[in-house]
C-alpha atoms as a PDB file:
ATOM      1  CA  MET A   1      94.357  79.821 110.236  1.00  0.00           C
ATOM      2  CA  THR A   2      95.317  78.415 106.850  1.00  0.00           C
ATOM      3  CA  PRO A   3      98.973  77.824 105.948  1.00  0.00           C
ATOM      4  CA  SER A   4      98.845  80.438 103.178  1.00  0.00           C
ATOM      5  CA  LEU A   5      97.516  83.047 105.604  1.00  0.00           C
ATOM      6  CA  PHE A   6     100.279  82.155 108.072  1.00  0.00           C
ATOM      7  CA  LEU A   7     102.909  82.500 105.320  1.00  0.00           C
ATOM      8  CA  PHE A   8     101.402  85.828 104.304  1.00  0.00           C
ATOM      9  CA  TYR A   9     101.628  87.119 107.880  1.00  0.00           C
ATOM     10  CA  ALA A  10     105.215  85.858 108.191  1.00  0.00           C
ATOM     11  CA  ALA A  11     106.276  87.513 104.924  1.00  0.00           C
ATOM     12  CA  SER A  12     104.472  90.714 105.920  1.00  0.00           C
ATOM     13  CA  ALA A  13     106.238  90.745 109.291  1.00  0.00           C
ATOM     14  CA  LEU A  14     109.594  90.263 107.527  1.00  0.00           C
ATOM     15  CA  THR A  15     108.790  93.096 105.123  1.00  0.00           C
ATOM     16  CA  LEU A  16     107.703  95.492 107.875  1.00  0.00           C
ATOM     17  CA  GLY A  17     110.564  94.515 110.179  1.00  0.00           C
ATOM     18  CA  GLY A  18     113.104  95.029 107.421  1.00  0.00           C
ATOM     19  CA  GLY A  19     111.579  98.381 106.519  1.00  0.00           C
ATOM     20  CA  MET A  20     111.688  99.522 110.121  1.00  0.00           C
ATOM     21  CA  GLY A  21     115.289  98.335 110.328  1.00  0.00           C
ATOM     22  CA  VAL A  22     116.168 100.484 107.306  1.00  0.00           C
ATOM     23  CA  VAL A  23     114.899 103.673 108.896  1.00  0.00           C
ATOM     24  CA  ALA A  24     115.836 102.908 112.507  1.00  0.00           C
ATOM     25  CA  THR A  25     119.508 101.990 112.220  1.00  0.00           C
ATOM     26  CA  ARG A  26     122.334 104.490 112.053  1.00  0.00           C
ATOM     27  CA  ASN A  27     124.730 102.152 110.267  1.00  0.00           C
ATOM     28  CA  VAL A  28     124.179 102.245 106.499  1.00  0.00           C
ATOM     29  CA  VAL A  29     125.477  98.710 105.977  1.00  0.00           C
ATOM     30  CA  TYR A  30     122.898  97.383 108.440  1.00  0.00           C
ATOM     31  CA  ALA A  31     120.295  99.500 106.665  1.00  0.00           C
ATOM     32  CA  ALA A  32     121.221  97.842 103.355  1.00  0.00           C
ATOM     33  CA  LEU A  33     120.911  94.396 104.934  1.00  0.00           C
ATOM     34  CA  SER A  34     117.547  95.360 106.420  1.00  0.00           C
ATOM     35  CA  LEU A  35     116.492  96.484 102.938  1.00  0.00           C
ATOM     36  CA  LEU A  36     117.457  93.048 101.662  1.00  0.00           C
ATOM     37  CA  ALA A  37     115.300  91.402 104.350  1.00  0.00           C
ATOM     38  CA  SER A  38     112.385  93.644 103.434  1.00  0.00           C
ATOM     39  CA  LEU A  39     112.724  92.831  99.741  1.00  0.00           C
ATOM     40  CA  MET A  40     112.818  89.109 100.518  1.00  0.00           C
ATOM     41  CA  GLY A  41     109.591  89.537 102.470  1.00  0.00           C
ATOM     42  CA  VAL A  42     107.995  91.126  99.403  1.00  0.00           C
ATOM     43  CA  ALA A  43     109.160  88.119  97.370  1.00  0.00           C
ATOM     44  CA  GLY A  44     107.455  85.892  99.923  1.00  0.00           C
ATOM     45  CA  ILE A  45     104.222  87.837  99.499  1.00  0.00           C
ATOM     46  CA  TYR A  46     104.474  87.331  95.741  1.00  0.00           C
ATOM     47  CA  LEU A  47     104.858  83.589  96.303  1.00  0.00           C
ATOM     48  CA  VAL A  48     101.743  83.498  98.459  1.00  0.00           C
ATOM     49  CA  LEU A  49      99.879  85.298  95.651  1.00  0.00           C
ATOM     50  CA  PHE A  50     101.001  82.615  93.131  1.00  0.00           C
ATOM     51  CA  ALA A  51     103.205  85.084  91.233  1.00  0.00           C
ATOM     52  CA  GLU A  52     106.347  82.951  91.061  1.00  0.00           C
ATOM     53  CA  PHE A  53     107.911  84.951  88.261  1.00  0.00           C
ATOM     54  CA  LEU A  54     107.523  88.222  90.171  1.00  0.00           C
ATOM     55  CA  ALA A  55     109.027  86.574  93.242  1.00  0.00           C
ATOM     56  CA  LEU A  56     111.990  85.372  91.183  1.00  0.00           C
ATOM     57  CA  VAL A  57     112.487  88.811  89.662  1.00  0.00           C
ATOM     58  CA  GLN A  58     112.202  90.369  93.133  1.00  0.00           C
ATOM     59  CA  VAL A  59     114.957  88.104  94.456  1.00  0.00           C
ATOM     60  CA  LEU A  60     117.266  88.408  91.455  1.00  0.00           C
ATOM     61  CA  ILE A  61     116.858  92.056  90.521  1.00  0.00           C
ATOM     62  CA  TYR A  62     115.976  93.847  93.727  1.00  0.00           C
ATOM     63  CA  GLY A  63     117.392  91.474  96.309  1.00  0.00           C
ATOM     64  CA  GLY A  64     120.546  90.761  94.381  1.00  0.00           C
ATOM     65  CA  ALA A  65     121.426  93.571  92.027  1.00  0.00           C
ATOM     66  CA  ILE A  66     120.020  96.626  93.803  1.00  0.00           C
ATOM     67  CA  VAL A  67     121.354  95.744  97.258  1.00  0.00           C
ATOM     68  CA  ILE A  68     124.759  94.925  95.776  1.00  0.00           C
ATOM     69  CA  VAL A  69     124.790  98.287  93.980  1.00  0.00           C
ATOM     70  CA  VAL A  70     123.960 100.004  97.287  1.00  0.00           C
ATOM     71  CA  LEU A  71     126.799  98.135  99.002  1.00  0.00           C
ATOM     72  CA  PHE A  72     129.172  99.071  96.150  1.00  0.00           C
ATOM     73  CA  ALA A  73     128.195 102.706  96.557  1.00  0.00           C
ATOM     74  CA  LEU A  74     128.891 102.458 100.277  1.00  0.00           C
ATOM     75  CA  MET A  75     132.296 100.912  99.618  1.00  0.00           C
ATOM     76  CA  LEU A  76     133.221 103.572  97.091  1.00  0.00           C
ATOM     77  CA  THR A  77     132.084 106.656  99.058  1.00  0.00           C
ATOM     78  CA  ARG A  78     134.514 106.139 101.939  1.00  0.00           C
ATOM     79  CA  LEU A  79     132.217 107.393 104.681  1.00  0.00           C
ATOM     80  CA  ARG A  80     135.145 108.044 107.024  1.00  0.00           C
ATOM     81  CA  GLU A  81     136.146 110.991 104.838  1.00  0.00           C
ATOM     82  CA  LEU A  82     132.729 112.679 104.997  1.00  0.00           C
ATOM     83  CA  GLY A  83     132.535 113.466 108.721  1.00  0.00           C
ATOM     84  CA  GLY A  84     129.927 115.696 110.313  1.00  0.00           C
ATOM     85  CA  PRO A  85     126.570 114.794 111.835  1.00  0.00           C
ATOM     86  CA  MET A  86     124.201 112.720 109.752  1.00  0.00           C
ATOM     87  CA  GLU A  87     121.063 113.489 111.768  1.00  0.00           C
ATOM     88  CA  HIS A  88     118.488 116.103 110.931  1.00  0.00           C
ATOM     89  CA  ARG A  89     116.455 118.207 113.313  1.00  0.00           C
ATOM     90  CA  GLN A  90     113.225 117.467 111.450  1.00  0.00           C
ATOM     91  CA  TRP A  91     112.937 113.842 112.535  1.00  0.00           C
ATOM     92  CA  PRO A  92     109.936 114.479 114.837  1.00  0.00           C
ATOM     93  CA  LEU A  93     108.009 115.914 111.882  1.00  0.00           C
ATOM     94  CA  ALA A  94     109.004 112.902 109.779  1.00  0.00           C
ATOM     95  CA  LEU A  95     107.848 110.588 112.564  1.00  0.00           C
ATOM     96  CA  VAL A  96     104.438 112.278 112.714  1.00  0.00           C
ATOM     97  CA  GLY A  97     104.121 112.042 108.918  1.00  0.00           C
ATOM     98  CA  ALA A  98     105.099 108.364 108.923  1.00  0.00           C
ATOM     99  CA  LEU A  99     102.630 107.538 111.694  1.00  0.00           C
ATOM    100  CA  GLY A 100      99.873 109.421 109.847  1.00  0.00           C
ATOM    101  CA  LEU A 101     100.608 107.527 106.634  1.00  0.00           C
ATOM    102  CA  PHE A 102     100.634 104.268 108.577  1.00  0.00           C
ATOM    103  CA  ALA A 103      97.229 105.095 110.081  1.00  0.00           C
ATOM    104  CA  VAL A 104      95.736 105.850 106.653  1.00  0.00           C
ATOM    105  CA  LEU A 105      97.147 102.656 105.134  1.00  0.00           C
ATOM    106  CA  ALA A 106      96.047 100.536 108.113  1.00  0.00           C
ATOM    107  CA  ALA A 107      92.505 101.931 107.851  1.00  0.00           C
ATOM    108  CA  ALA A 108      92.434 101.219 104.103  1.00  0.00           C
ATOM    109  CA  ILE A 109      93.653  97.659 104.629  1.00  0.00           C
ATOM    110  CA  ALA A 110      91.151  97.057 107.435  1.00  0.00           C
ATOM    111  CA  ARG A 111      88.232  98.125 105.201  1.00  0.00           C
ATOM    112  CA  THR A 112      89.339  96.043 102.214  1.00  0.00           C
ATOM    113  CA  GLY A 113      88.021  92.528 101.868  1.00  0.00           C
ATOM    114  CA  VAL A 114      90.217  89.518 101.175  1.00  0.00           C
ATOM    115  CA  PRO A 115      89.653  88.023  97.687  1.00  0.00           C
ATOM    116  CA  GLN A 116      88.827  84.321  97.633  1.00  0.00           C
ATOM    117  CA  GLY A 117      89.781  81.715  95.053  1.00  0.00           C
ATOM    118  CA  LEU A 118      92.749  83.287  93.260  1.00  0.00           C
ATOM    119  CA  GLU A 119      93.597  81.736  89.902  1.00  0.00           C
ATOM    120  CA  ARG A 120      97.003  81.545  88.289  1.00  0.00           C
ATOM    121  CA  MET A 121      97.552  83.958  85.416  1.00  0.00           C
ATOM    122  CA  GLY A 122     100.449  84.247  83.026  1.00  0.00           C
ATOM    123  CA  PRO A 123     103.000  81.724  81.783  1.00  0.00           C
ATOM    124  CA  PRO A 124     104.486  79.148  84.164  1.00  0.00           C
ATOM    125  CA  VAL A 125     107.971  79.749  85.504  1.00  0.00           C
ATOM    126  CA  ALA A 126     109.386  76.704  83.692  1.00  0.00           C
ATOM    127  CA  LYS A 127     108.327  78.130  80.320  1.00  0.00           C
ATOM    128  CA  VAL A 128     109.889  81.519  81.130  1.00  0.00           C
ATOM    129  CA  GLY A 129     113.095  79.808  82.295  1.00  0.00           C
ATOM    130  CA  ALA A 130     113.303  77.686  79.148  1.00  0.00           C
ATOM    131  CA  SER A 131     112.907  80.808  77.022  1.00  0.00           C
ATOM    132  CA  LEU A 132     115.488  82.698  79.060  1.00  0.00           C
ATOM    133  CA  PHE A 133     118.140  80.016  78.726  1.00  0.00           C
ATOM    134  CA  SER A 134     117.463  79.062  75.100  1.00  0.00           C
ATOM    135  CA  GLN A 135     116.399  82.136  73.122  1.00  0.00           C
ATOM    136  CA  TRP A 136     117.986  84.736  75.414  1.00  0.00           C
ATOM    137  CA  ALA A 137     121.093  82.811  76.552  1.00  0.00           C
ATOM    138  CA  VAL A 138     123.690  85.076  74.901  1.00  0.00           C
ATOM    139  CA  PRO A 139     122.322  88.403  76.271  1.00  0.00           C
ATOM    140  CA  PHE A 140     121.941  86.756  79.698  1.00  0.00           C
ATOM    141  CA  GLU A 141     125.583  85.644  79.701  1.00  0.00           C
ATOM    142  CA  ALA A 142     126.757  89.042  78.400  1.00  0.00           C
ATOM    143  CA  ALA A 143     124.960  90.765  81.271  1.00  0.00           C
ATOM    144  CA  SER A 144     126.521  88.362  83.783  1.00  0.00           C
ATOM    145  CA  VAL A 145     130.035  89.015  82.420  1.00  0.00           C
ATOM    146  CA  LEU A 146     129.400  92.767  82.557  1.00  0.00           C
ATOM    147  CA  LEU A 147     128.292  92.519  86.194  1.00  0.00           C
ATOM    148  CA  LEU A 148     131.339  90.394  87.050  1.00  0.00           C
ATOM    149  CA  VAL A 149     133.673  92.991  85.528  1.00  0.00           C
ATOM    150  CA  ALA A 150     131.871  95.747  87.461  1.00  0.00           C
ATOM    151  CA  LEU A 151     132.249  93.732  90.670  1.00  0.00           C
ATOM    152  CA  ILE A 152     135.986  93.254  90.156  1.00  0.00           C
ATOM    153  CA  GLY A 153     136.418  96.938  89.298  1.00  0.00           C
ATOM    154  CA  ALA A 154     134.534  98.033  92.413  1.00  0.00           C
ATOM    155  CA  ILE A 155     136.656  95.771  94.604  1.00  0.00           C
ATOM    156  CA  VAL A 156     139.861  97.143  93.096  1.00  0.00           C
ATOM    157  CA  LEU A 157     138.700 100.753  93.557  1.00  0.00           C
ATOM    158  CA  ALA A 158     137.396 100.234  97.099  1.00  0.00           C
ATOM    159  CA  ARG A 159     140.480  98.608  98.583  1.00  0.00           C
ATOM    160  CA  PRO A 160     142.993 100.800 100.406  1.00  0.00           C
ATOM    161  CA  GLY A 161     145.447 102.235  97.918  1.00  0.00           C
ATOM    162  CA  GLY A 162     143.177 101.322  94.996  1.00  0.00           C
ATOM    163  CA  ARG A 163     143.477 104.745  93.393  1.00  0.00           C
ATOM    164  CA  ASP A 164     147.280 104.590  93.050  1.00  0.00           C
END
């Protein structure tokens, strides 16, 4: 077993485990953290495929921004006020559908060959980073200030007595 194949299997296990954690847990905060683990596994798969830029975008955009937005939404909804059951009676049907989809995808993966000798395509990460921090430095900093203000506003609104 080559090291790249081992890393691929490890990243795939992290992705699948995180995905199963998202759908299996009843706590939405744990589901968000499982989503983060799954997205980091996808970033690992991108690294194995020599797509460093996609891995970086996966970590920054999906792993960072999207999961933080989900956690902000959880903080702002005040789940204690909702009440009522959060389970549906159709979960056996959903389980059958998920297992059927898994079987179809597993059969498709088993019949697909593994490509050999992948070559790097696209610009190197260093060139993209140099462009981001030289030509696009001002929009990058403006976006970071905007996100910081949104973070402070969400914390102020989510604390007890924040709406006073």
